[in-house]
């Protein structure tokens, strides 16, 4: 027998490990098996490429990030303020005037607060709507995240516009009635037209604030 065919000496072996009462240990949860055991394949049960597992730190940070302050509605608020001031000016201007060539000295006019021979007109009503528009405009400039104020501003501005249209129609009808009499001249003053303009401006401002608030409320 050559040197290469000699048997290795017997090396003493330690005692064999006793069998585990729990059986063989389970494979790791993502142990490669089947076709996934080949190189280049992800372990079986792992999430697809490009998807982060549940609880991924950047995802949780994005979900819990605090929302920033919503931008102020400057344009809509300024339109509300401007519309309210225009309405107040319209109540002070002349609404209508009357004169007669048959009766000496019959020459009168009135505005939103009446005339020399008449009681108070509807000027305080329009001042009330103007005050609301101004208050809503100031509130929208100072406070943010006030969606309810925008909704109430739209409703009040719309009511003010309807009231101004009704008042203009009523005074115009009275003027047409007086013109039917001979010797009486009646003219419509600029006051009601100014009130109508201010009501439209206030309504546009209220709608602008509401639209801006609605868009901001849906921002992440």
Protein backbone atom coordinates (compact mmCIF):
# COMPACT_ATOMS: atom_id res chain seq x y z
CA UNK A 1 0.00 0.00 0.00
CA UNK A 2 1.40 3.38 -1.00
CA UNK A 3 1.63 6.43 1.19
CA UNK A 4 -1.38 7.95 -0.61
CA UNK A 5 -3.58 4.99 0.21
CA UNK A 6 -2.92 4.91 3.90
CA UNK A 7 -6.00 5.25 6.15
CA UNK A 8 -6.16 8.34 8.39
CA UNK A 9 -5.68 7.63 12.02
CA UNK A 10 -8.80 7.35 14.12
CA UNK A 11 -9.58 10.69 15.75
CA UNK A 12 -11.68 10.46 18.91
CA UNK A 13 -15.13 12.03 18.39
CA UNK A 14 -17.16 13.77 21.08
CA UNK A 15 -20.54 12.51 22.22
CA UNK A 16 -23.38 13.07 19.73
CA UNK A 17 -25.82 15.93 20.48
CA UNK A 18 -29.08 14.67 21.98
CA UNK A 19 -32.15 15.10 19.77
CA UNK A 20 -34.11 18.33 20.42
CA UNK A 21 -37.57 17.78 21.95
CA UNK A 22 -38.94 20.56 19.69
CA UNK A 23 -37.84 19.03 16.45
CA UNK A 24 -35.78 20.67 13.76
CA UNK A 25 -35.61 24.49 13.84
CA UNK A 26 -37.87 26.19 11.28
CA UNK A 27 -36.30 27.89 8.30
CA UNK A 28 -36.00 31.71 8.32
CA UNK A 29 -39.12 33.57 7.15
CA UNK A 30 -37.49 34.69 3.94
CA UNK A 31 -35.42 31.65 3.28
CA UNK A 32 -34.98 31.13 -0.46
CA UNK A 33 -36.76 28.10 -1.77
CA UNK A 34 -37.92 26.82 -5.12
CA UNK A 35 -37.14 29.09 -8.05
CA UNK A 36 -36.30 31.91 -5.65
CA UNK A 37 -33.27 29.99 -4.46
CA UNK A 38 -31.48 30.96 -7.66
CA UNK A 39 -29.15 33.96 -7.53
CA UNK A 40 -30.76 37.26 -8.57
CA UNK A 41 -34.26 36.48 -7.24
CA UNK A 42 -35.63 38.18 -4.12
CA UNK A 43 -36.40 35.93 -1.16
CA UNK A 44 -39.85 34.38 -1.14
CA UNK A 45 -42.35 36.47 0.81
CA UNK A 46 -40.39 39.73 0.55
CA UNK A 47 -42.25 42.87 -0.60
CA UNK A 48 -42.05 43.75 -4.31
CA UNK A 49 -39.31 46.11 -5.41
CA UNK A 50 -40.22 49.77 -4.98
CA UNK A 51 -42.69 49.19 -2.11
CA UNK A 52 -41.74 49.97 1.44
CA UNK A 53 -42.92 47.65 4.20
CA UNK A 54 -45.59 48.77 6.65
CA UNK A 55 -44.18 51.13 9.22
CA UNK A 56 -41.51 52.50 6.90
CA UNK A 57 -40.06 55.54 8.64
CA UNK A 58 -40.26 58.11 5.78
CA UNK A 59 -43.87 57.06 5.10
CA UNK A 60 -44.86 57.51 8.73
CA UNK A 61 -43.08 60.87 8.86
CA UNK A 62 -44.97 62.03 5.77
CA UNK A 63 -48.31 60.94 7.24
CA UNK A 64 -47.72 62.65 10.59
CA UNK A 65 -46.26 65.87 9.19
CA UNK A 66 -48.16 68.90 10.52
CA UNK A 67 -50.13 71.00 8.05
CA UNK A 68 -48.85 74.46 7.35
CA UNK A 69 -50.98 77.59 7.79
CA UNK A 70 -53.39 78.33 5.00
CA UNK A 71 -52.69 81.48 2.99
CA UNK A 72 -54.80 84.56 3.74
CA UNK A 73 -57.54 85.58 1.31
CA UNK A 74 -56.38 89.13 0.75
CA UNK A 75 -58.22 89.85 -2.51
CA UNK A 76 -61.60 88.57 -1.33
CA UNK A 77 -61.29 90.32 2.03
CA UNK A 78 -60.41 93.64 0.41
CA UNK A 79 -63.38 93.30 -1.95
CA UNK A 80 -65.66 92.74 1.04
CA UNK A 81 -64.30 95.87 2.70
CA UNK A 82 -64.59 97.90 -0.48
CA UNK A 83 -68.12 96.70 -1.16
CA UNK A 84 -69.24 97.62 2.36
CA UNK A 85 -67.78 101.13 2.06
CA UNK A 86 -69.43 101.65 -1.34
CA UNK A 87 -72.81 100.64 0.12
CA UNK A 88 -72.44 103.17 2.94
CA UNK A 89 -71.62 105.92 0.43
CA UNK A 90 -74.67 104.93 -1.62
CA UNK A 91 -76.99 105.39 1.34
CA UNK A 92 -75.80 108.99 1.70
CA UNK A 93 -76.16 109.91 -1.95
CA UNK A 94 -79.40 111.02 -3.55
CA UNK A 95 -81.84 108.21 -4.35
CA UNK A 96 -84.50 110.22 -6.18
CA UNK A 97 -85.66 113.79 -6.65
CA UNK A 98 -89.04 115.35 -7.44
CA UNK A 99 -90.04 118.75 -8.72
CA UNK A 100 -93.17 120.36 -10.12
CA UNK A 101 -93.85 123.29 -12.40
CA UNK A 102 -97.51 123.47 -11.36
CA UNK A 103 -96.94 123.94 -7.65
CA UNK A 104 -94.54 126.66 -6.62
CA UNK A 105 -91.71 125.47 -4.41
CA UNK A 106 -92.33 121.75 -4.85
CA UNK A 107 -88.77 120.48 -5.14
CA UNK A 108 -87.60 117.63 -2.98
CA UNK A 109 -85.18 114.72 -2.91
CA UNK A 110 -84.30 111.93 -0.55
CA UNK A 111 -81.53 109.45 0.18
CA UNK A 112 -81.33 106.36 2.35
CA UNK A 113 -82.20 108.30 5.47
CA UNK A 114 -85.23 110.19 4.19
CA UNK A 115 -85.81 113.81 3.19
CA UNK A 116 -87.12 117.02 4.69
CA UNK A 117 -90.74 115.94 4.33
CA UNK A 118 -90.49 112.21 4.85
CA UNK A 119 -89.39 109.69 7.44
CA UNK A 120 -86.41 107.38 7.40
CA UNK A 121 -85.94 105.23 4.33
CA UNK A 122 -84.17 101.89 4.00
CA UNK A 123 -80.71 103.32 4.45
CA UNK A 124 -80.14 101.67 7.88
CA UNK A 125 -80.93 98.28 6.32
CA UNK A 126 -78.14 98.72 3.77
CA UNK A 127 -75.80 100.05 6.44
CA UNK A 128 -76.42 96.83 8.34
CA UNK A 129 -75.42 94.72 5.33
CA UNK A 130 -72.43 96.99 4.75
CA UNK A 131 -71.33 96.51 8.36
CA UNK A 132 -71.52 92.74 7.93
CA UNK A 133 -69.40 92.88 4.77
CA UNK A 134 -66.79 95.06 6.49
CA UNK A 135 -66.74 92.82 9.57
CA UNK A 136 -66.36 89.68 7.47
CA UNK A 137 -63.57 91.27 5.46
CA UNK A 138 -61.64 92.23 8.60
CA UNK A 139 -62.18 88.78 10.09
CA UNK A 140 -60.87 87.07 6.96
CA UNK A 141 -57.78 89.26 6.95
CA UNK A 142 -56.96 88.64 10.61
CA UNK A 143 -58.13 85.07 11.22
CA UNK A 144 -57.36 82.01 9.10
CA UNK A 145 -59.09 78.66 8.70
CA UNK A 146 -62.48 80.34 9.13
CA UNK A 147 -64.56 78.55 6.53
CA UNK A 148 -67.86 79.27 8.33
CA UNK A 149 -67.27 83.03 8.09
CA UNK A 150 -66.86 82.73 4.32
CA UNK A 151 -70.15 80.86 4.00
CA UNK A 152 -72.05 83.40 6.11
CA UNK A 153 -70.44 86.24 4.14
CA UNK A 154 -71.71 84.78 0.86
CA UNK A 155 -75.25 84.38 2.26
CA UNK A 156 -75.42 87.90 3.71
CA UNK A 157 -73.92 89.49 0.59
CA UNK A 158 -76.41 87.66 -1.61
CA UNK A 159 -79.33 88.84 0.56
CA UNK A 160 -77.98 92.40 0.46
CA UNK A 161 -77.79 92.25 -3.32
CA UNK A 162 -81.40 91.03 -3.57
CA UNK A 163 -82.58 93.79 -1.24
CA UNK A 164 -80.78 96.45 -3.26
CA UNK A 165 -82.34 95.15 -6.49
CA UNK A 166 -85.78 95.21 -4.87
CA UNK A 167 -85.29 98.75 -3.56
CA UNK A 168 -84.11 99.97 -6.94
CA UNK A 169 -87.13 98.41 -8.64
CA UNK A 170 -89.51 99.94 -6.06
CA UNK A 171 -88.13 103.48 -6.35
CA UNK A 172 -88.07 103.22 -10.16
CA UNK A 173 -91.72 102.18 -10.15
CA UNK A 174 -92.65 105.17 -7.95
CA UNK A 175 -90.81 107.52 -10.27
CA UNK A 176 -92.61 106.13 -13.31
CA UNK A 177 -95.92 106.56 -11.51
CA UNK A 178 -95.23 110.22 -10.69
CA UNK A 179 -94.11 110.94 -14.21
CA UNK A 180 -97.59 110.00 -15.40
CA UNK A 181 -98.94 113.20 -13.82
CA UNK A 182 -98.63 116.43 -15.74
CA UNK A 183 -96.28 118.99 -14.33
CA UNK A 184 -94.30 116.60 -12.11
CA UNK A 185 -90.74 115.69 -12.85
CA UNK A 186 -89.09 112.76 -11.08
CA UNK A 187 -85.51 111.60 -11.47
CA UNK A 188 -83.62 108.60 -10.15
CA UNK A 189 -80.49 109.55 -8.27
CA UNK A 190 -77.15 107.72 -8.20
CA UNK A 191 -77.48 106.41 -4.64
CA UNK A 192 -79.29 103.16 -5.37
CA UNK A 193 -77.01 102.40 -8.31
CA UNK A 194 -74.00 102.86 -6.04
CA UNK A 195 -75.56 100.55 -3.45
CA UNK A 196 -76.16 97.96 -6.15
CA UNK A 197 -72.53 98.24 -7.24
CA UNK A 198 -71.29 97.86 -3.68
CA UNK A 199 -73.51 94.80 -3.15
CA UNK A 200 -72.07 93.14 -6.26
CA UNK A 201 -68.50 93.89 -5.16
CA UNK A 202 -69.18 92.50 -1.68
CA UNK A 203 -70.73 89.34 -3.12
CA UNK A 204 -67.76 88.80 -5.44
CA UNK A 205 -65.40 89.20 -2.49
CA UNK A 206 -67.40 86.75 -0.37
CA UNK A 207 -67.40 84.16 -3.15
CA UNK A 208 -63.65 84.65 -3.63
CA UNK A 209 -62.99 84.02 0.07
CA UNK A 210 -65.20 80.94 0.08
CA UNK A 211 -63.51 79.49 -3.01
CA UNK A 212 -60.07 80.08 -1.51
CA UNK A 213 -61.07 78.50 1.80
CA UNK A 214 -62.60 75.47 0.12
CA UNK A 215 -59.45 74.86 -1.92
CA UNK A 216 -57.23 75.31 1.14
CA UNK A 217 -59.32 72.92 3.21
CA UNK A 218 -58.56 70.06 0.80
CA UNK A 219 -54.81 70.64 0.75
CA UNK A 220 -52.70 67.92 2.41
